[in-house]
Amino acid sequence: MAIGRMAGHISFLSHHSMEQKFGREYKRNDGLFELFGKFQVESYLEYNGYNFTKWFDPLSYLYITKAINIFDLGRGFDTLEDALAKIQSELYLISFSNDMLFLPSEMSKIDMMLKARHFKKCDLLEVESDYGHDAFLVEIDKFDDYVRAALKPKPQVSNPGPSPMHDNIV
């Protein structure tokens, strides 16, 4: 499980952020020419991978991975557009540049499909980030106002017609 987490962790962070954080630096207490010496990034991945196994249930990790792998919004519909047509609520989408797990191009595609159908409310925030998929954990300041605005109660439109209470009055 630790090795799987290490491999997965590489896809959560962008190449740029890994390069900035580690570069090609060798672990300080390892010699460059030692047979079993490690790069800083190797040490980081091993530390996080093995610690992950201490606090995360392996079975839940397998279920989450399976759920991500089999998720298909269009499943059960003829097209993705047909699936999206069933949505009745407002949508607020967020994409992060360099996210290799949920590609920004996929969010843009969903946004364009909905707008082409004159969907009542769809908004997309594209966040520039060097942190890849983990941007949603480490750069909250780049989208927190957007989320707050989306969660803010909307004013209710008053209904000019009779209320159900009035129908019962004799």
N, C-alpha and C. Protein backbone atom coordinates (compact mmCIF):
# COMPACT_ATOMS: atom_id res chain seq x y z
N MET A 1 0.82 -1.18 0.00
CA MET A 1 0.00 0.00 0.00
C MET A 1 0.87 1.26 0.00
N ALA A 2 1.99 1.20 0.70
CA ALA A 2 2.87 2.36 0.77
C ALA A 2 3.41 2.72 -0.62
N ILE A 3 3.78 1.71 -1.37
CA ILE A 3 4.32 1.96 -2.72
C ILE A 3 3.22 2.52 -3.62
N GLY A 4 2.01 2.01 -3.48
CA GLY A 4 0.88 2.55 -4.25
C GLY A 4 0.63 4.00 -3.90
N ARG A 5 0.74 4.34 -2.64
CA ARG A 5 0.57 5.73 -2.22
C ARG A 5 1.67 6.61 -2.79
N MET A 6 2.88 6.09 -2.81
CA MET A 6 4.00 6.86 -3.38
C MET A 6 3.75 7.15 -4.86
N ALA A 7 3.33 6.13 -5.58
CA ALA A 7 3.05 6.31 -7.01
C ALA A 7 1.89 7.28 -7.21
N GLY A 8 0.86 7.14 -6.39
CA GLY A 8 -0.28 8.05 -6.49
C GLY A 8 0.10 9.47 -6.14
N HIS A 9 0.95 9.63 -5.13
CA HIS A 9 1.35 10.95 -4.68
C HIS A 9 2.02 11.75 -5.79
N ILE A 10 2.75 11.07 -6.64
CA ILE A 10 3.40 11.75 -7.76
C ILE A 10 2.37 12.40 -8.67
N SER A 11 1.20 11.76 -8.84
CA SER A 11 0.19 12.34 -9.71
C SER A 11 -0.62 13.44 -9.02
N PHE A 12 -0.56 13.52 -7.69
CA PHE A 12 -1.30 14.57 -6.98
C PHE A 12 -0.59 15.91 -7.09
N LEU A 13 0.72 15.88 -7.17
CA LEU A 13 1.50 17.11 -7.25
C LEU A 13 2.02 17.29 -8.68
N SER A 14 2.12 18.53 -9.10
CA SER A 14 2.61 18.77 -10.45
C SER A 14 4.12 18.58 -10.51
N HIS A 15 4.62 18.37 -11.72
CA HIS A 15 6.07 18.24 -11.92
C HIS A 15 6.77 19.50 -11.43
N HIS A 16 6.18 20.65 -11.73
CA HIS A 16 6.78 21.93 -11.35
C HIS A 16 6.92 22.05 -9.83
N SER A 17 5.86 21.69 -9.09
CA SER A 17 5.95 21.82 -7.63
C SER A 17 6.96 20.84 -7.04
N MET A 18 7.04 19.63 -7.60
CA MET A 18 8.03 18.67 -7.13
C MET A 18 9.44 19.17 -7.43
N GLU A 19 9.62 19.74 -8.58
CA GLU A 19 10.94 20.29 -8.97
C GLU A 19 11.33 21.43 -8.04
N GLN A 20 10.38 22.31 -7.74
CA GLN A 20 10.66 23.43 -6.84
C GLN A 20 11.01 22.95 -5.44
N LYS A 21 10.26 21.97 -4.96
CA LYS A 21 10.44 21.49 -3.59
C LYS A 21 11.71 20.67 -3.42
N PHE A 22 12.03 19.83 -4.42
CA PHE A 22 13.14 18.88 -4.25
C PHE A 22 14.28 19.04 -5.24
N GLY A 23 13.96 19.44 -6.46
CA GLY A 23 14.98 19.49 -7.49
C GLY A 23 15.65 18.13 -7.63
N ARG A 24 16.96 18.13 -7.78
CA ARG A 24 17.72 16.88 -7.85
C ARG A 24 18.62 16.77 -6.63
N GLU A 25 18.14 17.30 -5.51
CA GLU A 25 18.93 17.31 -4.27
C GLU A 25 19.00 15.92 -3.66
N TYR A 26 20.18 15.62 -3.20
CA TYR A 26 20.40 14.35 -2.50
C TYR A 26 20.10 14.54 -1.03
N LYS A 27 19.66 13.50 -0.38
CA LYS A 27 19.41 13.53 1.06
C LYS A 27 20.71 13.91 1.75
N ARG A 28 20.65 14.83 2.67
CA ARG A 28 21.87 15.40 3.27
C ARG A 28 22.79 14.38 3.92
N ASN A 29 22.23 13.37 4.55
CA ASN A 29 23.11 12.42 5.24
C ASN A 29 23.52 11.25 4.35
N ASP A 30 23.14 11.26 3.09
CA ASP A 30 23.56 10.22 2.13
C ASP A 30 24.60 10.81 1.19
N GLY A 31 25.59 10.03 0.89
CA GLY A 31 26.59 10.47 -0.06
C GLY A 31 26.12 10.24 -1.49
N LEU A 32 26.47 11.10 -2.38
CA LEU A 32 26.04 11.02 -3.77
C LEU A 32 26.41 9.69 -4.41
N PHE A 33 27.55 9.15 -4.02
CA PHE A 33 28.01 7.92 -4.66
C PHE A 33 27.76 6.66 -3.83
N GLU A 34 27.00 6.82 -2.73
CA GLU A 34 26.64 5.64 -1.95
C GLU A 34 25.66 4.80 -2.75
N LEU A 35 25.83 3.51 -2.70
CA LEU A 35 24.98 2.62 -3.47
C LEU A 35 23.50 2.78 -3.10
N PHE A 36 23.20 2.93 -1.82
CA PHE A 36 21.81 3.04 -1.39
C PHE A 36 21.41 4.46 -1.00
N GLY A 37 22.17 5.44 -1.45
CA GLY A 37 21.83 6.84 -1.19
C GLY A 37 20.52 7.22 -1.90
N LYS A 38 19.88 8.25 -1.40
CA LYS A 38 18.57 8.63 -1.94
C LYS A 38 18.51 10.11 -2.26
N PHE A 39 17.67 10.40 -3.25
CA PHE A 39 17.33 11.78 -3.54
C PHE A 39 16.32 12.24 -2.48
N GLN A 40 16.24 13.54 -2.25
CA GLN A 40 15.29 14.10 -1.28
C GLN A 40 13.86 13.64 -1.61
N VAL A 41 13.50 13.65 -2.89
CA VAL A 41 12.14 13.28 -3.28
C VAL A 41 11.84 11.83 -2.93
N GLU A 42 12.82 10.94 -3.06
CA GLU A 42 12.63 9.54 -2.67
C GLU A 42 12.34 9.42 -1.19
N SER A 43 13.12 10.13 -0.40
CA SER A 43 12.96 10.11 1.04
C SER A 43 11.57 10.63 1.43
N TYR A 44 11.15 11.71 0.79
CA TYR A 44 9.83 12.30 1.04
C TYR A 44 8.71 11.32 0.70
N LEU A 45 8.81 10.69 -0.47
CA LEU A 45 7.78 9.74 -0.90
C LEU A 45 7.72 8.53 0.03
N GLU A 46 8.86 8.02 0.42
CA GLU A 46 8.88 6.87 1.34
C GLU A 46 8.30 7.23 2.69
N TYR A 47 8.70 8.37 3.23
CA TYR A 47 8.19 8.81 4.52
C TYR A 47 6.67 8.93 4.49
N ASN A 48 6.14 9.62 3.48
CA ASN A 48 4.69 9.80 3.38
C ASN A 48 3.97 8.50 3.05
N GLY A 49 4.57 7.68 2.22
CA GLY A 49 3.95 6.40 1.87
C GLY A 49 3.82 5.48 3.06
N TYR A 50 4.88 5.32 3.82
CA TYR A 50 4.82 4.41 4.97
C TYR A 50 4.00 4.98 6.13
N ASN A 51 4.02 6.29 6.32
CA ASN A 51 3.17 6.89 7.35
C ASN A 51 1.70 6.76 6.98
N PHE A 52 1.41 6.84 5.71
CA PHE A 52 0.04 6.70 5.22
C PHE A 52 -0.56 5.37 5.66
N THR A 53 0.24 4.33 5.65
CA THR A 53 -0.26 3.00 6.01
C THR A 53 -0.60 2.91 7.50
N LYS A 54 -0.09 3.83 8.30
CA LYS A 54 -0.37 3.81 9.74
C LYS A 54 -1.73 4.41 10.08
N TRP A 55 -2.21 5.32 9.26
CA TRP A 55 -3.47 5.99 9.60
C TRP A 55 -4.58 5.81 8.58
N PHE A 56 -4.36 5.07 7.52
CA PHE A 56 -5.39 4.90 6.50
C PHE A 56 -5.70 3.42 6.33
N ASP A 57 -6.94 3.05 6.41
CA ASP A 57 -7.39 1.68 6.26
C ASP A 57 -7.17 1.23 4.80
N PRO A 58 -6.42 0.17 4.56
CA PRO A 58 -6.14 -0.27 3.19
C PRO A 58 -7.40 -0.58 2.39
N LEU A 59 -8.40 -1.15 3.03
CA LEU A 59 -9.62 -1.48 2.30
C LEU A 59 -10.36 -0.22 1.85
N SER A 60 -10.40 0.80 2.69
CA SER A 60 -11.06 2.03 2.28
C SER A 60 -10.31 2.69 1.12
N TYR A 61 -8.98 2.60 1.15
CA TYR A 61 -8.18 3.14 0.06
C TYR A 61 -8.49 2.42 -1.25
N LEU A 62 -8.64 1.10 -1.18
CA LEU A 62 -8.99 0.34 -2.38
C LEU A 62 -10.37 0.73 -2.90
N TYR A 63 -11.32 0.91 -1.99
CA TYR A 63 -12.67 1.31 -2.42
C TYR A 63 -12.67 2.71 -3.03
N ILE A 64 -11.94 3.63 -2.44
CA ILE A 64 -11.87 4.99 -3.00
C ILE A 64 -11.22 4.94 -4.38
N THR A 65 -10.13 4.20 -4.50
CA THR A 65 -9.46 4.08 -5.80
C THR A 65 -10.38 3.47 -6.84
N LYS A 66 -11.09 2.43 -6.45
CA LYS A 66 -12.03 1.77 -7.36
C LYS A 66 -13.14 2.75 -7.78
N ALA A 67 -13.68 3.49 -6.82
CA ALA A 67 -14.74 4.45 -7.11
C ALA A 67 -14.26 5.52 -8.10
N ILE A 68 -13.06 6.02 -7.89
CA ILE A 68 -12.51 7.03 -8.81
C ILE A 68 -12.33 6.42 -10.20
N ASN A 69 -11.82 5.21 -10.26
CA ASN A 69 -11.54 4.57 -11.55
C ASN A 69 -12.80 4.23 -12.34
N ILE A 70 -13.88 3.85 -11.66
CA ILE A 70 -15.07 3.43 -12.40
C ILE A 70 -16.08 4.56 -12.58
N PHE A 71 -15.88 5.70 -11.91
CA PHE A 71 -16.85 6.79 -12.02
C PHE A 71 -16.96 7.25 -13.46
N ASP A 72 -18.18 7.32 -13.94
CA ASP A 72 -18.46 7.80 -15.29
C ASP A 72 -19.79 8.52 -15.23
N LEU A 73 -19.76 9.83 -15.29
CA LEU A 73 -20.97 10.63 -15.18
C LEU A 73 -22.00 10.27 -16.24
N GLY A 74 -21.54 9.83 -17.40
CA GLY A 74 -22.45 9.49 -18.49
C GLY A 74 -22.99 8.06 -18.45
N ARG A 75 -22.54 7.25 -17.49
CA ARG A 75 -23.00 5.86 -17.42
C ARG A 75 -24.52 5.82 -17.24
N GLY A 76 -25.16 4.99 -18.03
CA GLY A 76 -26.60 4.85 -17.95
C GLY A 76 -27.34 5.82 -18.86
N PHE A 77 -26.62 6.66 -19.55
CA PHE A 77 -27.20 7.62 -20.49
C PHE A 77 -26.58 7.38 -21.86
N ASP A 78 -27.23 7.86 -22.90
CA ASP A 78 -26.67 7.71 -24.24
C ASP A 78 -25.41 8.56 -24.41
N THR A 79 -25.41 9.74 -23.80
CA THR A 79 -24.26 10.64 -23.93
C THR A 79 -24.04 11.38 -22.61
N LEU A 80 -22.89 11.98 -22.48
CA LEU A 80 -22.61 12.82 -21.32
C LEU A 80 -23.58 14.00 -21.29
N GLU A 81 -23.89 14.55 -22.45
CA GLU A 81 -24.83 15.67 -22.53
C GLU A 81 -26.19 15.28 -21.96
N ASP A 82 -26.65 14.05 -22.24
CA ASP A 82 -27.93 13.58 -21.70
C ASP A 82 -27.88 13.50 -20.17
N ALA A 83 -26.75 13.06 -19.63
CA ALA A 83 -26.59 12.97 -18.18
C ALA A 83 -26.62 14.38 -17.57
N LEU A 84 -25.90 15.30 -18.18
CA LEU A 84 -25.85 16.67 -17.67
C LEU A 84 -27.21 17.36 -17.75
N ALA A 85 -28.02 16.98 -18.74
CA ALA A 85 -29.34 17.59 -18.91
C ALA A 85 -30.27 17.29 -17.73
N LYS A 86 -29.98 16.27 -16.96
CA LYS A 86 -30.81 15.89 -15.80
C LYS A 86 -30.54 16.78 -14.59
N ILE A 87 -29.45 17.50 -14.58
CA ILE A 87 -29.09 18.33 -13.43
C ILE A 87 -30.05 19.51 -13.34
N GLN A 88 -30.58 19.74 -12.15
CA GLN A 88 -31.52 20.84 -11.95
C GLN A 88 -30.98 21.93 -11.03
N SER A 89 -29.91 21.66 -10.33
CA SER A 89 -29.37 22.64 -9.38
C SER A 89 -28.33 23.52 -10.05
N GLU A 90 -27.93 24.55 -9.35
CA GLU A 90 -26.84 25.39 -9.82
C GLU A 90 -25.53 24.62 -9.71
N LEU A 91 -24.62 24.86 -10.63
CA LEU A 91 -23.32 24.20 -10.60
C LEU A 91 -22.21 25.23 -10.48
N TYR A 92 -21.28 24.95 -9.60
CA TYR A 92 -20.10 25.76 -9.44
C TYR A 92 -18.92 24.82 -9.58
N LEU A 93 -18.22 24.93 -10.67
CA LEU A 93 -17.11 24.04 -10.98
C LEU A 93 -15.79 24.74 -10.67
N ILE A 94 -14.81 23.96 -10.24
CA ILE A 94 -13.47 24.48 -10.01
C ILE A 94 -12.49 23.53 -10.68
N SER A 95 -11.58 24.09 -11.45
CA SER A 95 -10.50 23.27 -12.01
C SER A 95 -9.17 23.89 -11.62
N PHE A 96 -8.17 23.03 -11.51
CA PHE A 96 -6.83 23.47 -11.13
C PHE A 96 -5.86 23.11 -12.25
N SER A 97 -5.15 24.12 -12.73
CA SER A 97 -4.16 23.84 -13.77
C SER A 97 -3.17 22.82 -13.21
N ASN A 98 -2.63 22.01 -14.05
CA ASN A 98 -1.67 20.97 -13.68
C ASN A 98 -2.27 19.83 -12.86
N ASP A 99 -3.61 19.76 -12.74
CA ASP A 99 -4.25 18.63 -12.06
C ASP A 99 -4.32 17.48 -13.06
N MET A 100 -3.61 16.40 -12.75
CA MET A 100 -3.59 15.26 -13.67
C MET A 100 -4.65 14.23 -13.32
N LEU A 101 -5.35 14.42 -12.19
CA LEU A 101 -6.40 13.49 -11.80
C LEU A 101 -7.76 13.92 -12.36
N PHE A 102 -8.09 15.19 -12.19
CA PHE A 102 -9.30 15.78 -12.77
C PHE A 102 -8.84 16.89 -13.70
N LEU A 103 -8.77 16.58 -14.96
CA LEU A 103 -8.17 17.49 -15.93
C LEU A 103 -8.99 18.77 -16.12
N PRO A 104 -8.32 19.92 -16.16
CA PRO A 104 -9.03 21.18 -16.41
C PRO A 104 -9.83 21.15 -17.72
N SER A 105 -9.32 20.45 -18.71
CA SER A 105 -10.04 20.36 -19.99
C SER A 105 -11.38 19.65 -19.83
N GLU A 106 -11.46 18.70 -18.89
CA GLU A 106 -12.73 18.01 -18.65
C GLU A 106 -13.75 18.94 -18.01
N MET A 107 -13.31 19.76 -17.08
CA MET A 107 -14.22 20.74 -16.46
C MET A 107 -14.68 21.77 -17.48
N SER A 108 -13.77 22.20 -18.33
CA SER A 108 -14.13 23.15 -19.38
C SER A 108 -15.16 22.54 -20.33
N LYS A 109 -14.99 21.28 -20.65
CA LYS A 109 -15.93 20.57 -21.53
C LYS A 109 -17.33 20.53 -20.90
N ILE A 110 -17.40 20.20 -19.62
CA ILE A 110 -18.68 20.16 -18.92
C ILE A 110 -19.31 21.55 -18.92
N ASP A 111 -18.53 22.56 -18.62
CA ASP A 111 -19.01 23.94 -18.61
C ASP A 111 -19.55 24.34 -19.98
N MET A 112 -18.82 24.03 -21.02
CA MET A 112 -19.27 24.38 -22.39
C MET A 112 -20.54 23.63 -22.78
N MET A 113 -20.62 22.35 -22.42
CA MET A 113 -21.83 21.57 -22.73
C MET A 113 -23.07 22.18 -22.07
N LEU A 114 -22.92 22.55 -20.82
CA LEU A 114 -24.06 23.11 -20.09
C LEU A 114 -24.44 24.48 -20.64
N LYS A 115 -23.47 25.30 -20.95
CA LYS A 115 -23.77 26.62 -21.49
C LYS A 115 -24.37 26.53 -22.89
N ALA A 116 -23.98 25.52 -23.66
CA ALA A 116 -24.55 25.33 -25.00
C ALA A 116 -26.03 24.96 -24.90
N ARG A 117 -26.42 24.35 -23.80
CA ARG A 117 -27.83 23.98 -23.58
C ARG A 117 -28.58 25.07 -22.81
N HIS A 118 -27.94 26.21 -22.63
CA HIS A 118 -28.54 27.34 -21.90
C HIS A 118 -28.95 26.94 -20.49
N PHE A 119 -28.06 26.18 -19.86
CA PHE A 119 -28.28 25.74 -18.49
C PHE A 119 -28.47 26.97 -17.62
N LYS A 120 -29.40 26.90 -16.66
CA LYS A 120 -29.76 28.09 -15.89
C LYS A 120 -28.61 28.71 -15.10
N LYS A 121 -27.76 27.89 -14.50
CA LYS A 121 -26.66 28.45 -13.72
C LYS A 121 -25.49 27.48 -13.67
N CYS A 122 -24.43 27.84 -14.36
CA CYS A 122 -23.20 27.06 -14.31
C CYS A 122 -22.05 28.05 -14.34
N ASP A 123 -21.13 27.88 -13.41
CA ASP A 123 -20.00 28.79 -13.33
C ASP A 123 -18.74 27.95 -13.14
N LEU A 124 -17.68 28.35 -13.80
CA LEU A 124 -16.40 27.63 -13.72
C LEU A 124 -15.31 28.58 -13.28
N LEU A 125 -14.60 28.20 -12.24
CA LEU A 125 -13.43 28.94 -11.80
C LEU A 125 -12.21 28.10 -12.17
N GLU A 126 -11.32 28.69 -12.94
CA GLU A 126 -10.08 28.01 -13.32
C GLU A 126 -8.96 28.59 -12.48
N VAL A 127 -8.40 27.78 -11.60
CA VAL A 127 -7.38 28.22 -10.66
C VAL A 127 -6.00 27.87 -11.21
N GLU A 128 -5.16 28.88 -11.35
CA GLU A 128 -3.76 28.66 -11.75
C GLU A 128 -3.01 28.13 -10.54
N SER A 129 -2.35 27.01 -10.71
CA SER A 129 -1.64 26.42 -9.59
C SER A 129 -0.52 25.52 -10.08
N ASP A 130 0.54 25.50 -9.31
CA ASP A 130 1.64 24.58 -9.58
C ASP A 130 1.55 23.33 -8.72
N TYR A 131 0.46 23.20 -7.94
CA TYR A 131 0.35 22.09 -7.00
C TYR A 131 -0.47 20.92 -7.52
N GLY A 132 -0.90 20.96 -8.76
CA GLY A 132 -1.64 19.84 -9.32
C GLY A 132 -2.92 19.57 -8.55
N HIS A 133 -3.25 18.30 -8.39
CA HIS A 133 -4.49 17.91 -7.72
C HIS A 133 -4.52 18.37 -6.26
N ASP A 134 -3.38 18.44 -5.62
CA ASP A 134 -3.34 18.85 -4.21
C ASP A 134 -3.59 20.35 -4.01
N ALA A 135 -3.77 21.10 -5.07
CA ALA A 135 -4.03 22.53 -4.93
C ALA A 135 -5.25 22.79 -4.07
N PHE A 136 -6.24 21.91 -4.14
CA PHE A 136 -7.45 22.12 -3.34
C PHE A 136 -7.17 22.00 -1.85
N LEU A 137 -6.04 21.42 -1.48
CA LEU A 137 -5.66 21.31 -0.07
C LEU A 137 -4.71 22.42 0.38
N VAL A 138 -3.90 22.92 -0.53
CA VAL A 138 -2.82 23.83 -0.12
C VAL A 138 -3.00 25.27 -0.58
N GLU A 139 -3.91 25.51 -1.50
CA GLU A 139 -4.10 26.89 -1.97
C GLU A 139 -5.57 27.32 -1.85
N ILE A 140 -6.12 27.09 -0.69
CA ILE A 140 -7.52 27.39 -0.44
C ILE A 140 -7.83 28.87 -0.66
N ASP A 141 -6.86 29.72 -0.39
CA ASP A 141 -7.07 31.16 -0.56
C ASP A 141 -7.38 31.55 -2.00
N LYS A 142 -7.08 30.69 -2.95
CA LYS A 142 -7.34 30.99 -4.36
C LYS A 142 -8.79 30.73 -4.78
N PHE A 143 -9.54 30.01 -3.94
CA PHE A 143 -10.92 29.70 -4.33
C PHE A 143 -11.92 29.78 -3.18
N ASP A 144 -11.47 30.15 -1.98
CA ASP A 144 -12.41 30.16 -0.86
C ASP A 144 -13.54 31.17 -1.03
N ASP A 145 -13.27 32.34 -1.59
CA ASP A 145 -14.33 33.32 -1.82
C ASP A 145 -15.37 32.78 -2.81
N TYR A 146 -14.91 32.06 -3.79
CA TYR A 146 -15.80 31.45 -4.79
C TYR A 146 -16.74 30.45 -4.12
N VAL A 147 -16.19 29.61 -3.25
CA VAL A 147 -17.00 28.61 -2.54
C VAL A 147 -17.97 29.31 -1.59
N ARG A 148 -17.49 30.33 -0.87
CA ARG A 148 -18.38 31.07 0.04
C ARG A 148 -19.56 31.68 -0.72
N ALA A 149 -19.27 32.28 -1.87
CA ALA A 149 -20.34 32.90 -2.67
C ALA A 149 -21.33 31.83 -3.16
N ALA A 150 -20.83 30.68 -3.54
CA ALA A 150 -21.69 29.60 -4.02
C ALA A 150 -22.60 29.08 -2.90
N LEU A 151 -22.09 29.06 -1.68
CA LEU A 151 -22.85 28.53 -0.54
C LEU A 151 -23.76 29.57 0.11
N LYS A 152 -23.57 30.83 -0.24
CA LYS A 152 -24.38 31.90 0.34
C LYS A 152 -25.83 31.73 -0.09
N PRO A 153 -26.75 31.82 0.87
CA PRO A 153 -28.17 31.67 0.50
C PRO A 153 -28.59 32.71 -0.55
N LYS A 154 -29.33 32.24 -1.51
CA LYS A 154 -29.81 33.11 -2.59
C LYS A 154 -31.17 33.68 -2.17
N PRO A 155 -31.45 34.91 -2.57
CA PRO A 155 -32.77 35.46 -2.23
C PRO A 155 -33.87 34.67 -2.94
N GLN A 156 -34.93 34.39 -2.21
CA GLN A 156 -36.05 33.64 -2.76
C GLN A 156 -36.91 34.56 -3.61
N VAL A 157 -37.34 34.05 -4.76
CA VAL A 157 -38.24 34.79 -5.63
C VAL A 157 -39.64 34.60 -5.08
N SER A 158 -40.33 35.71 -4.85
CA SER A 158 -41.68 35.59 -4.29
C SER A 158 -42.64 35.10 -5.37
N ASN A 159 -43.57 34.29 -4.96
CA ASN A 159 -44.57 33.73 -5.87
C ASN A 159 -45.82 34.61 -5.80
N PRO A 160 -46.19 35.26 -6.91
CA PRO A 160 -47.34 36.15 -6.88
C PRO A 160 -48.68 35.42 -6.80
N GLY A 161 -48.68 34.13 -7.04
CA GLY A 161 -49.94 33.37 -7.02
C GLY A 161 -50.39 33.08 -5.60
N PRO A 162 -51.59 32.51 -5.45
CA PRO A 162 -52.11 32.19 -4.12
C PRO A 162 -51.28 31.10 -3.46
N SER A 163 -51.16 31.19 -2.16
CA SER A 163 -50.43 30.15 -1.44
C SER A 163 -51.35 28.99 -1.14
N PRO A 164 -50.79 27.82 -0.91
CA PRO A 164 -51.63 26.65 -0.60
C PRO A 164 -52.49 26.87 0.65
N MET A 165 -52.01 27.71 1.57
CA MET A 165 -52.77 27.99 2.79
C MET A 165 -54.09 28.66 2.45
N HIS A 166 -54.11 29.50 1.43
CA HIS A 166 -55.32 30.26 1.08
C HIS A 166 -56.35 29.33 0.42
N ASP A 167 -55.92 28.26 -0.19
CA ASP A 167 -56.86 27.35 -0.86
C ASP A 167 -57.77 26.66 0.14
N ASN A 168 -57.32 26.52 1.38
CA ASN A 168 -58.09 25.81 2.39
C ASN A 168 -59.06 26.70 3.15
N ILE A 169 -58.99 27.99 2.90
CA ILE A 169 -59.87 28.91 3.63
C ILE A 169 -61.27 28.84 3.02
N VAL A 170 -62.28 28.69 3.88
CA VAL A 170 -63.68 28.62 3.41
C VAL A 170 -64.41 29.83 3.88
